[in-house]
All heavy atoms as atom14 arrays in JSON, in Angstrom:
{
  "sequence": "KLRVFLANKKTAPVWEENKGKDEKWRTGKIEIFQGAETTNSVTF",
  "atom14_mask": [
    [1, 1, 1, 1, 1, 1, 1, 1, 1, 0, 0, 0, 0, 0],
    [1, 1, 1, 1, 1, 1, 1, 1, 0, 0, 0, 0, 0, 0],
    [1, 1, 1, 1, 1, 1, 1, 1, 1, 1, 1, 0, 0, 0],
    [1, 1, 1, 1, 1, 1, 1, 0, 0, 0, 0, 0, 0, 0],
    [1, 1, 1, 1, 1, 1, 1, 1, 1, 1, 1, 0, 0, 0],
    [1, 1, 1, 1, 1, 1, 1, 1, 0, 0, 0, 0, 0, 0],
    [1, 1, 1, 1, 1, 0, 0, 0, 0, 0, 0, 0, 0, 0],
    [1, 1, 1, 1, 1, 1, 1, 1, 0, 0, 0, 0, 0, 0],
    [1, 1, 1, 1, 1, 1, 1, 1, 1, 0, 0, 0, 0, 0],
    [1, 1, 1, 1, 1, 1, 1, 1, 1, 0, 0, 0, 0, 0],
    [1, 1, 1, 1, 1, 1, 1, 0, 0, 0, 0, 0, 0, 0],
    [1, 1, 1, 1, 1, 0, 0, 0, 0, 0, 0, 0, 0, 0],
    [1, 1, 1, 1, 1, 1, 1, 0, 0, 0, 0, 0, 0, 0],
    [1, 1, 1, 1, 1, 1, 1, 0, 0, 0, 0, 0, 0, 0],
    [1, 1, 1, 1, 1, 1, 1, 1, 1, 1, 1, 1, 1, 1],
    [1, 1, 1, 1, 1, 1, 1, 1, 1, 0, 0, 0, 0, 0],
    [1, 1, 1, 1, 1, 1, 1, 1, 1, 0, 0, 0, 0, 0],
    [1, 1, 1, 1, 1, 1, 1, 1, 0, 0, 0, 0, 0, 0],
    [1, 1, 1, 1, 1, 1, 1, 1, 1, 0, 0, 0, 0, 0],
    [1, 1, 1, 1, 0, 0, 0, 0, 0, 0, 0, 0, 0, 0],
    [1, 1, 1, 1, 1, 1, 1, 1, 1, 0, 0, 0, 0, 0],
    [1, 1, 1, 1, 1, 1, 1, 1, 0, 0, 0, 0, 0, 0],
    [1, 1, 1, 1, 1, 1, 1, 1, 1, 0, 0, 0, 0, 0],
    [1, 1, 1, 1, 1, 1, 1, 1, 1, 0, 0, 0, 0, 0],
    [1, 1, 1, 1, 1, 1, 1, 1, 1, 1, 1, 1, 1, 1],
    [1, 1, 1, 1, 1, 1, 1, 1, 1, 1, 1, 0, 0, 0],
    [1, 1, 1, 1, 1, 1, 1, 0, 0, 0, 0, 0, 0, 0],
    [1, 1, 1, 1, 0, 0, 0, 0, 0, 0, 0, 0, 0, 0],
    [1, 1, 1, 1, 1, 1, 1, 1, 1, 0, 0, 0, 0, 0],
    [1, 1, 1, 1, 1, 1, 1, 1, 0, 0, 0, 0, 0, 0],
    [1, 1, 1, 1, 1, 1, 1, 1, 1, 0, 0, 0, 0, 0],
    [1, 1, 1, 1, 1, 1, 1, 1, 0, 0, 0, 0, 0, 0],
    [1, 1, 1, 1, 1, 1, 1, 1, 1, 1, 1, 0, 0, 0],
    [1, 1, 1, 1, 1, 1, 1, 1, 1, 0, 0, 0, 0, 0],
    [1, 1, 1, 1, 0, 0, 0, 0, 0, 0, 0, 0, 0, 0],
    [1, 1, 1, 1, 1, 0, 0, 0, 0, 0, 0, 0, 0, 0],
    [1, 1, 1, 1, 1, 1, 1, 1, 1, 0, 0, 0, 0, 0],
    [1, 1, 1, 1, 1, 1, 1, 0, 0, 0, 0, 0, 0, 0],
    [1, 1, 1, 1, 1, 1, 1, 0, 0, 0, 0, 0, 0, 0],
    [1, 1, 1, 1, 1, 1, 1, 1, 0, 0, 0, 0, 0, 0],
    [1, 1, 1, 1, 1, 1, 0, 0, 0, 0, 0, 0, 0, 0],
    [1, 1, 1, 1, 1, 1, 1, 0, 0, 0, 0, 0, 0, 0],
    [1, 1, 1, 1, 1, 1, 1, 0, 0, 0, 0, 0, 0, 0],
    [1, 1, 1, 1, 1, 1, 1, 1, 1, 1, 1, 0, 0, 0]
  ],
  "atom14_positions": [
    [[84.51, 73.64, 90.98], [85.84, 74.04, 91.5], [86.3, 75.29, 90.78], [86.02, 75.5, 89.59], [86.87, 72.94, 91.2], [86.67, 71.68, 91.97], [87.82, 70.74, 91.75], [87.7, 69.54, 92.65], [87.48, 68.31, 91.98], [0.0, 0.0, 0.0], [0.0, 0.0, 0.0], [0.0, 0.0, 0.0], [0.0, 0.0, 0.0], [0.0, 0.0, 0.0]],
    [[87.11, 76.08, 91.49], [87.8, 77.24, 90.9], [89.27, 76.97, 91.12], [89.72, 76.69, 92.24], [87.4, 78.51, 91.59], [88.11, 79.8, 91.13], [87.87, 80.08, 89.66], [87.7, 80.99, 91.98], [0.0, 0.0, 0.0], [0.0, 0.0, 0.0], [0.0, 0.0, 0.0], [0.0, 0.0, 0.0], [0.0, 0.0, 0.0], [0.0, 0.0, 0.0]],
    [[90.04, 77.03, 90.02], [91.5, 76.81, 90.11], [92.2, 77.96, 89.43], [91.66, 78.6, 88.55], [91.89, 75.54, 89.35], [91.32, 74.28, 89.91], [91.93, 73.11, 89.14], [91.18, 71.87, 89.47], [90.15, 71.38, 88.76], [89.76, 72.02, 87.66], [89.55, 70.31, 89.13], [0.0, 0.0, 0.0], [0.0, 0.0, 0.0], [0.0, 0.0, 0.0]],
    [[93.44, 78.19, 89.86], [94.27, 79.22, 89.21], [95.58, 78.53, 88.8], [96.2, 77.81, 89.57], [94.57, 80.35, 90.17], [95.41, 81.43, 89.45], [93.28, 81.01, 90.7], [0.0, 0.0, 0.0], [0.0, 0.0, 0.0], [0.0, 0.0, 0.0], [0.0, 0.0, 0.0], [0.0, 0.0, 0.0], [0.0, 0.0, 0.0], [0.0, 0.0, 0.0]],
    [[95.97, 78.77, 87.55], [97.2, 78.23, 86.98], [98.1, 79.4, 86.56], [97.62, 80.4, 86.06], [96.89, 77.4, 85.71], [96.13, 76.17, 85.95], [94.75, 76.14, 85.98], [96.77, 74.93, 86.16], [94.01, 75.01, 86.21], [96.08, 73.78, 86.38], [94.68, 73.82, 86.4], [0.0, 0.0, 0.0], [0.0, 0.0, 0.0], [0.0, 0.0, 0.0]],
    [[99.4, 79.2, 86.71], [100.37, 80.14, 86.16], [100.94, 79.52, 84.88], [101.13, 78.31, 84.81], [101.52, 80.38, 87.16], [101.09, 81.01, 88.48], [102.31, 81.21, 89.4], [100.38, 82.36, 88.25], [0.0, 0.0, 0.0], [0.0, 0.0, 0.0], [0.0, 0.0, 0.0], [0.0, 0.0, 0.0], [0.0, 0.0, 0.0], [0.0, 0.0, 0.0]],
    [[101.18, 80.36, 83.88], [101.58, 79.87, 82.57], [102.81, 78.97, 82.58], [102.88, 77.98, 81.88], [101.81, 81.01, 81.63], [0.0, 0.0, 0.0], [0.0, 0.0, 0.0], [0.0, 0.0, 0.0], [0.0, 0.0, 0.0], [0.0, 0.0, 0.0], [0.0, 0.0, 0.0], [0.0, 0.0, 0.0], [0.0, 0.0, 0.0], [0.0, 0.0, 0.0]],
    [[103.8, 79.31, 83.43], [105.02, 78.49, 83.4], [104.94, 77.28, 84.3], [105.88, 76.52, 84.39], [106.23, 79.35, 83.8], [106.07, 80.02, 85.15], [104.97, 79.91, 85.73], [107.07, 80.69, 85.63], [0.0, 0.0, 0.0], [0.0, 0.0, 0.0], [0.0, 0.0, 0.0], [0.0, 0.0, 0.0], [0.0, 0.0, 0.0], [0.0, 0.0, 0.0]],
    [[103.77, 77.05, 84.93], [103.54, 75.81, 85.75], [102.22, 75.23, 85.33], [101.32, 75.07, 86.15], [103.53, 76.18, 87.24], [104.77, 76.82, 87.75], [104.67, 77.07, 89.23], [105.91, 77.66, 89.85], [106.37, 78.89, 89.25], [0.0, 0.0, 0.0], [0.0, 0.0, 0.0], [0.0, 0.0, 0.0], [0.0, 0.0, 0.0], [0.0, 0.0, 0.0]],
    [[102.1, 74.93, 84.06], [100.83, 74.55, 83.5], [100.16, 73.32, 84.13], [98.97, 73.16, 84.19], [100.96, 74.25, 82.02], [100.82, 75.48, 81.16], [100.62, 75.08, 79.72], [100.39, 76.27, 78.83], [101.47, 77.25, 78.85], [0.0, 0.0, 0.0], [0.0, 0.0, 0.0], [0.0, 0.0, 0.0], [0.0, 0.0, 0.0], [0.0, 0.0, 0.0]],
    [[100.96, 72.37, 84.62], [100.41, 71.09, 84.98], [99.56, 71.11, 86.26], [98.51, 70.53, 86.31], [101.52, 70.05, 85.17], [102.51, 70.64, 86.04], [102.2, 69.72, 83.84], [0.0, 0.0, 0.0], [0.0, 0.0, 0.0], [0.0, 0.0, 0.0], [0.0, 0.0, 0.0], [0.0, 0.0, 0.0], [0.0, 0.0, 0.0], [0.0, 0.0, 0.0]],
    [[100.03, 71.79, 87.29], [99.29, 71.78, 88.55], [98.78, 73.19, 88.89], [99.47, 74.15, 88.67], [100.17, 71.26, 89.66], [0.0, 0.0, 0.0], [0.0, 0.0, 0.0], [0.0, 0.0, 0.0], [0.0, 0.0, 0.0], [0.0, 0.0, 0.0], [0.0, 0.0, 0.0], [0.0, 0.0, 0.0], [0.0, 0.0, 0.0], [0.0, 0.0, 0.0]],
    [[97.58, 73.28, 89.47], [97.1, 74.59, 89.85], [97.93, 75.14, 91.02], [98.38, 74.35, 91.87], [95.64, 74.35, 90.28], [95.53, 72.9, 90.52], [96.62, 72.22, 89.73], [0.0, 0.0, 0.0], [0.0, 0.0, 0.0], [0.0, 0.0, 0.0], [0.0, 0.0, 0.0], [0.0, 0.0, 0.0], [0.0, 0.0, 0.0], [0.0, 0.0, 0.0]],
    [[98.1, 76.45, 91.09], [98.81, 77.07, 92.22], [97.82, 77.42, 93.32], [98.21, 77.75, 94.43], [99.59, 78.32, 91.79], [100.75, 77.93, 90.89], [98.7, 79.33, 91.11], [0.0, 0.0, 0.0], [0.0, 0.0, 0.0], [0.0, 0.0, 0.0], [0.0, 0.0, 0.0], [0.0, 0.0, 0.0], [0.0, 0.0, 0.0], [0.0, 0.0, 0.0]],
    [[96.53, 77.33, 92.99], [95.47, 77.67, 93.96], [94.2, 76.92, 93.54], [93.95, 76.8, 92.34], [95.25, 79.18, 93.93], [94.31, 79.71, 94.92], [94.61, 80.22, 96.16], [92.88, 79.85, 94.8], [93.48, 80.64, 96.81], [92.38, 80.41, 95.99], [91.96, 79.49, 93.83], [91.06, 80.65, 96.21], [90.61, 79.75, 94.03], [90.17, 80.32, 95.22]],
    [[93.43, 76.42, 94.55], [92.21, 75.69, 94.18], [91.25, 75.78, 95.35], [91.62, 75.73, 96.5], [92.56, 74.22, 93.9], [91.32, 73.39, 93.54], [91.7, 71.99, 93.05], [92.89, 71.72, 92.86], [90.78, 71.19, 92.92], [0.0, 0.0, 0.0], [0.0, 0.0, 0.0], [0.0, 0.0, 0.0], [0.0, 0.0, 0.0], [0.0, 0.0, 0.0]],
    [[89.97, 75.95, 95.03], [88.92, 75.98, 96.03], [87.73, 75.21, 95.46], [87.38, 75.35, 94.29], [88.51, 77.41, 96.32], [87.57, 77.6, 97.48], [88.15, 77.18, 98.81], [89.17, 77.8, 99.24], [87.62, 76.26, 99.42], [0.0, 0.0, 0.0], [0.0, 0.0, 0.0], [0.0, 0.0, 0.0], [0.0, 0.0, 0.0], [0.0, 0.0, 0.0]],
    [[87.11, 74.3, 96.28], [86.04, 73.53, 95.67], [84.71, 73.62, 96.38], [83.8, 72.96, 96.0], [86.46, 72.07, 95.49], [86.71, 71.43, 96.83], [86.5, 72.0, 97.88], [87.21, 70.19, 96.78], [0.0, 0.0, 0.0], [0.0, 0.0, 0.0], [0.0, 0.0, 0.0], [0.0, 0.0, 0.0], [0.0, 0.0, 0.0], [0.0, 0.0, 0.0]],
    [[84.62, 74.42, 97.44], [83.28, 74.66, 97.89], [83.19, 75.9, 98.75], [84.15, 76.22, 99.45], [82.69, 73.46, 98.66], [83.35, 73.05, 99.92], [82.46, 71.98, 100.56], [83.06, 71.29, 101.74], [84.16, 70.41, 101.48], [0.0, 0.0, 0.0], [0.0, 0.0, 0.0], [0.0, 0.0, 0.0], [0.0, 0.0, 0.0], [0.0, 0.0, 0.0]],
    [[82.07, 76.58, 98.65], [81.91, 77.78, 99.43], [81.23, 77.43, 100.75], [80.33, 76.58, 100.78], [0.0, 0.0, 0.0], [0.0, 0.0, 0.0], [0.0, 0.0, 0.0], [0.0, 0.0, 0.0], [0.0, 0.0, 0.0], [0.0, 0.0, 0.0], [0.0, 0.0, 0.0], [0.0, 0.0, 0.0], [0.0, 0.0, 0.0], [0.0, 0.0, 0.0]],
    [[81.65, 78.03, 101.82], [80.99, 77.82, 103.09], [79.63, 78.55, 103.1], [78.74, 78.2, 103.8], [81.84, 78.35, 104.25], [83.2, 77.63, 104.34], [84.1, 78.38, 105.34], [85.56, 78.03, 105.18], [86.07, 78.34, 103.85], [0.0, 0.0, 0.0], [0.0, 0.0, 0.0], [0.0, 0.0, 0.0], [0.0, 0.0, 0.0], [0.0, 0.0, 0.0]],
    [[79.53, 79.59, 102.33], [78.35, 80.42, 102.26], [78.42, 81.19, 100.92], [79.24, 80.89, 100.1], [78.29, 81.38, 103.46], [79.6, 82.11, 103.65], [80.21, 82.51, 102.65], [79.99, 82.3, 104.81], [0.0, 0.0, 0.0], [0.0, 0.0, 0.0], [0.0, 0.0, 0.0], [0.0, 0.0, 0.0], [0.0, 0.0, 0.0], [0.0, 0.0, 0.0]],
    [[77.58, 82.22, 100.79], [77.53, 82.95, 99.52], [78.51, 84.11, 99.52], [78.55, 84.95, 98.62], [76.14, 83.54, 99.29], [75.01, 82.49, 99.45], [74.67, 81.82, 98.15], [74.47, 82.53, 97.14], [74.63, 80.59, 98.12], [0.0, 0.0, 0.0], [0.0, 0.0, 0.0], [0.0, 0.0, 0.0], [0.0, 0.0, 0.0], [0.0, 0.0, 0.0]],
    [[79.31, 84.26, 100.57], [80.18, 85.45, 100.74], [81.37, 85.43, 99.76], [81.86, 84.4, 99.39], [80.74, 85.49, 102.17], [79.74, 85.88, 103.2], [80.5, 86.3, 104.46], [79.54, 86.73, 105.54], [79.13, 85.64, 106.41], [0.0, 0.0, 0.0], [0.0, 0.0, 0.0], [0.0, 0.0, 0.0], [0.0, 0.0, 0.0], [0.0, 0.0, 0.0]],
    [[81.83, 86.64, 99.46], [83.06, 86.81, 98.7], [84.22, 86.61, 99.64], [84.22, 87.03, 100.8], [83.09, 88.21, 98.09], [82.16, 88.36, 96.94], [80.86, 88.71, 96.95], [82.49, 88.07, 95.56], [80.35, 88.68, 95.69], [81.3, 88.29, 94.82], [83.63, 87.64, 94.93], [81.27, 88.12, 93.42], [83.59, 87.47, 93.54], [82.42, 87.73, 92.81]],
    [[85.28, 85.98, 99.18], [86.53, 85.77, 99.93], [87.68, 86.32, 99.11], [87.54, 86.65, 97.93], [86.75, 84.28, 100.19], [85.52, 83.6, 100.78], [85.91, 82.66, 101.91], [84.77, 82.03, 102.53], [84.02, 82.61, 103.47], [84.25, 83.83, 103.82], [82.99, 81.97, 103.96], [0.0, 0.0, 0.0], [0.0, 0.0, 0.0], [0.0, 0.0, 0.0]],
    [[88.85, 86.38, 99.78], [90.05, 86.89, 99.08], [91.03, 85.74, 98.89], [91.31, 84.98, 99.8], [90.68, 88.01, 99.93], [89.72, 89.03, 100.12], [91.91, 88.58, 99.2], [0.0, 0.0, 0.0], [0.0, 0.0, 0.0], [0.0, 0.0, 0.0], [0.0, 0.0, 0.0], [0.0, 0.0, 0.0], [0.0, 0.0, 0.0], [0.0, 0.0, 0.0]],
    [[91.54, 85.64, 97.67], [92.61, 84.68, 97.35], [93.86, 85.45, 97.08], [93.81, 86.59, 96.6], [0.0, 0.0, 0.0], [0.0, 0.0, 0.0], [0.0, 0.0, 0.0], [0.0, 0.0, 0.0], [0.0, 0.0, 0.0], [0.0, 0.0, 0.0], [0.0, 0.0, 0.0], [0.0, 0.0, 0.0], [0.0, 0.0, 0.0], [0.0, 0.0, 0.0]],
    [[95.01, 84.83, 97.42], [96.3, 85.46, 97.15], [97.25, 84.42, 96.58], [97.28, 83.28, 97.06], [96.92, 85.99, 98.47], [96.22, 87.13, 99.08], [96.99, 87.54, 100.31], [96.13, 88.47, 101.17], [96.7, 88.68, 102.47], [0.0, 0.0, 0.0], [0.0, 0.0, 0.0], [0.0, 0.0, 0.0], [0.0, 0.0, 0.0], [0.0, 0.0, 0.0]],
    [[98.02, 84.84, 95.59], [98.97, 83.92, 94.96], [100.28, 84.67, 94.79], [100.31, 85.75, 94.22], [98.48, 83.46, 93.59], [97.21, 82.66, 93.76], [99.54, 82.6, 92.92], [96.46, 82.45, 92.51], [0.0, 0.0, 0.0], [0.0, 0.0, 0.0], [0.0, 0.0, 0.0], [0.0, 0.0, 0.0], [0.0, 0.0, 0.0], [0.0, 0.0, 0.0]],
    [[101.38, 84.06, 95.28], [102.71, 84.63, 95.06], [103.18, 84.2, 93.65], [103.04, 83.05, 93.31], [103.69, 84.07, 96.07], [103.29, 84.23, 97.51], [103.87, 85.5, 98.19], [104.92, 85.96, 97.69], [103.32, 85.99, 99.16], [0.0, 0.0, 0.0], [0.0, 0.0, 0.0], [0.0, 0.0, 0.0], [0.0, 0.0, 0.0], [0.0, 0.0, 0.0]],
    [[103.68, 85.17, 92.93], [104.27, 84.87, 91.63], [105.76, 85.25, 91.68], [106.07, 86.42, 91.84], [103.58, 85.68, 90.52], [102.08, 85.35, 90.47], [104.22, 85.39, 89.16], [101.27, 86.17, 89.47], [0.0, 0.0, 0.0], [0.0, 0.0, 0.0], [0.0, 0.0, 0.0], [0.0, 0.0, 0.0], [0.0, 0.0, 0.0], [0.0, 0.0, 0.0]],
    [[106.61, 84.25, 91.66], [108.04, 84.52, 91.65], [108.54, 84.42, 90.24], [108.4, 83.4, 89.61], [108.79, 83.5, 92.55], [108.39, 83.54, 93.98], [107.55, 82.57, 94.5], [108.82, 84.59, 94.79], [107.18, 82.6, 95.82], [108.42, 84.63, 96.11], [107.62, 83.64, 96.66], [0.0, 0.0, 0.0], [0.0, 0.0, 0.0], [0.0, 0.0, 0.0]],
    [[109.13, 85.5, 89.76], [109.66, 85.49, 88.4], [111.09, 84.95, 88.45], [111.94, 85.57, 89.11], [109.66, 86.89, 87.82], [108.29, 87.5, 87.68], [107.46, 86.79, 86.65], [107.16, 85.6, 86.73], [107.05, 87.53, 85.66], [0.0, 0.0, 0.0], [0.0, 0.0, 0.0], [0.0, 0.0, 0.0], [0.0, 0.0, 0.0], [0.0, 0.0, 0.0]],
    [[111.33, 83.86, 87.77], [112.7, 83.37, 87.68], [113.31, 83.94, 86.4], [112.89, 85.04, 85.98], [0.0, 0.0, 0.0], [0.0, 0.0, 0.0], [0.0, 0.0, 0.0], [0.0, 0.0, 0.0], [0.0, 0.0, 0.0], [0.0, 0.0, 0.0], [0.0, 0.0, 0.0], [0.0, 0.0, 0.0], [0.0, 0.0, 0.0], [0.0, 0.0, 0.0]],
    [[114.2, 83.25, 85.78], [114.74, 83.69, 84.52], [113.63, 83.69, 83.47], [113.54, 84.53, 82.61], [115.89, 82.76, 84.07], [0.0, 0.0, 0.0], [0.0, 0.0, 0.0], [0.0, 0.0, 0.0], [0.0, 0.0, 0.0], [0.0, 0.0, 0.0], [0.0, 0.0, 0.0], [0.0, 0.0, 0.0], [0.0, 0.0, 0.0], [0.0, 0.0, 0.0]],
    [[112.73, 82.69, 83.61], [111.57, 82.61, 82.7], [110.39, 83.27, 83.4], [110.08, 82.9, 84.54], [111.36, 81.11, 82.4], [109.96, 80.68, 82.2], [109.87, 79.12, 82.16], [110.89, 78.43, 82.34], [108.76, 78.68, 81.94], [0.0, 0.0, 0.0], [0.0, 0.0, 0.0], [0.0, 0.0, 0.0], [0.0, 0.0, 0.0], [0.0, 0.0, 0.0]],
    [[109.79, 84.24, 82.79], [108.74, 84.99, 83.46], [107.36, 84.37, 83.18], [107.14, 83.76, 82.17], [108.73, 86.46, 83.02], [108.52, 86.52, 81.61], [110.03, 87.15, 83.37], [0.0, 0.0, 0.0], [0.0, 0.0, 0.0], [0.0, 0.0, 0.0], [0.0, 0.0, 0.0], [0.0, 0.0, 0.0], [0.0, 0.0, 0.0], [0.0, 0.0, 0.0]],
    [[106.47, 84.58, 84.13], [105.09, 84.16, 83.98], [104.4, 85.17, 83.06], [104.41, 86.33, 83.39], [104.38, 84.17, 85.34], [105.07, 83.27, 86.2], [102.92, 83.76, 85.23], [0.0, 0.0, 0.0], [0.0, 0.0, 0.0], [0.0, 0.0, 0.0], [0.0, 0.0, 0.0], [0.0, 0.0, 0.0], [0.0, 0.0, 0.0], [0.0, 0.0, 0.0]],
    [[103.81, 84.71, 81.96], [103.18, 85.67, 81.07], [101.66, 85.6, 81.1], [101.0, 86.36, 80.42], [103.69, 85.54, 79.63], [103.44, 84.14, 79.1], [102.73, 83.34, 79.72], [103.98, 83.86, 77.91], [0.0, 0.0, 0.0], [0.0, 0.0, 0.0], [0.0, 0.0, 0.0], [0.0, 0.0, 0.0], [0.0, 0.0, 0.0], [0.0, 0.0, 0.0]],
    [[101.11, 84.68, 81.91], [99.66, 84.67, 82.05], [99.24, 83.92, 83.3], [99.96, 83.07, 83.82], [98.98, 84.06, 80.8], [99.2, 82.66, 80.8], [0.0, 0.0, 0.0], [0.0, 0.0, 0.0], [0.0, 0.0, 0.0], [0.0, 0.0, 0.0], [0.0, 0.0, 0.0], [0.0, 0.0, 0.0], [0.0, 0.0, 0.0], [0.0, 0.0, 0.0]],
    [[98.05, 84.27, 83.76], [97.4, 83.62, 84.89], [96.03, 83.17, 84.37], [95.33, 83.95, 83.72], [97.18, 84.56, 86.08], [96.4, 83.9, 87.18], [98.52, 85.05, 86.61], [0.0, 0.0, 0.0], [0.0, 0.0, 0.0], [0.0, 0.0, 0.0], [0.0, 0.0, 0.0], [0.0, 0.0, 0.0], [0.0, 0.0, 0.0], [0.0, 0.0, 0.0]],
    [[95.65, 81.9, 84.62], [94.38, 81.4, 84.15], [93.46, 81.05, 85.28], [93.85, 80.32, 86.2], [94.59, 80.13, 83.25], [95.45, 80.5, 82.14], [93.28, 79.61, 82.7], [0.0, 0.0, 0.0], [0.0, 0.0, 0.0], [0.0, 0.0, 0.0], [0.0, 0.0, 0.0], [0.0, 0.0, 0.0], [0.0, 0.0, 0.0], [0.0, 0.0, 0.0]],
    [[92.24, 81.56, 85.27], [91.21, 81.19, 86.23], [90.36, 80.14, 85.55], [89.77, 80.41, 84.49], [90.35, 82.41, 86.59], [91.08, 83.41, 87.45], [91.86, 84.41, 86.93], [90.95, 83.34, 88.87], [92.54, 85.31, 87.72], [91.64, 84.25, 89.64], [92.42, 85.21, 89.11], [0.0, 0.0, 0.0], [0.0, 0.0, 0.0], [0.0, 0.0, 0.0]]
  ]
}
């Protein structure tokens, strides 16, 4: 699996993919909304 976490939402991934349909590269997109507390890291 590949997951993406935002620092201020540590518990649950904001994005996850667990199998490729083929060997191709795909594009992932994640919206990051900065509230009063800002996101200071993204973890793959």
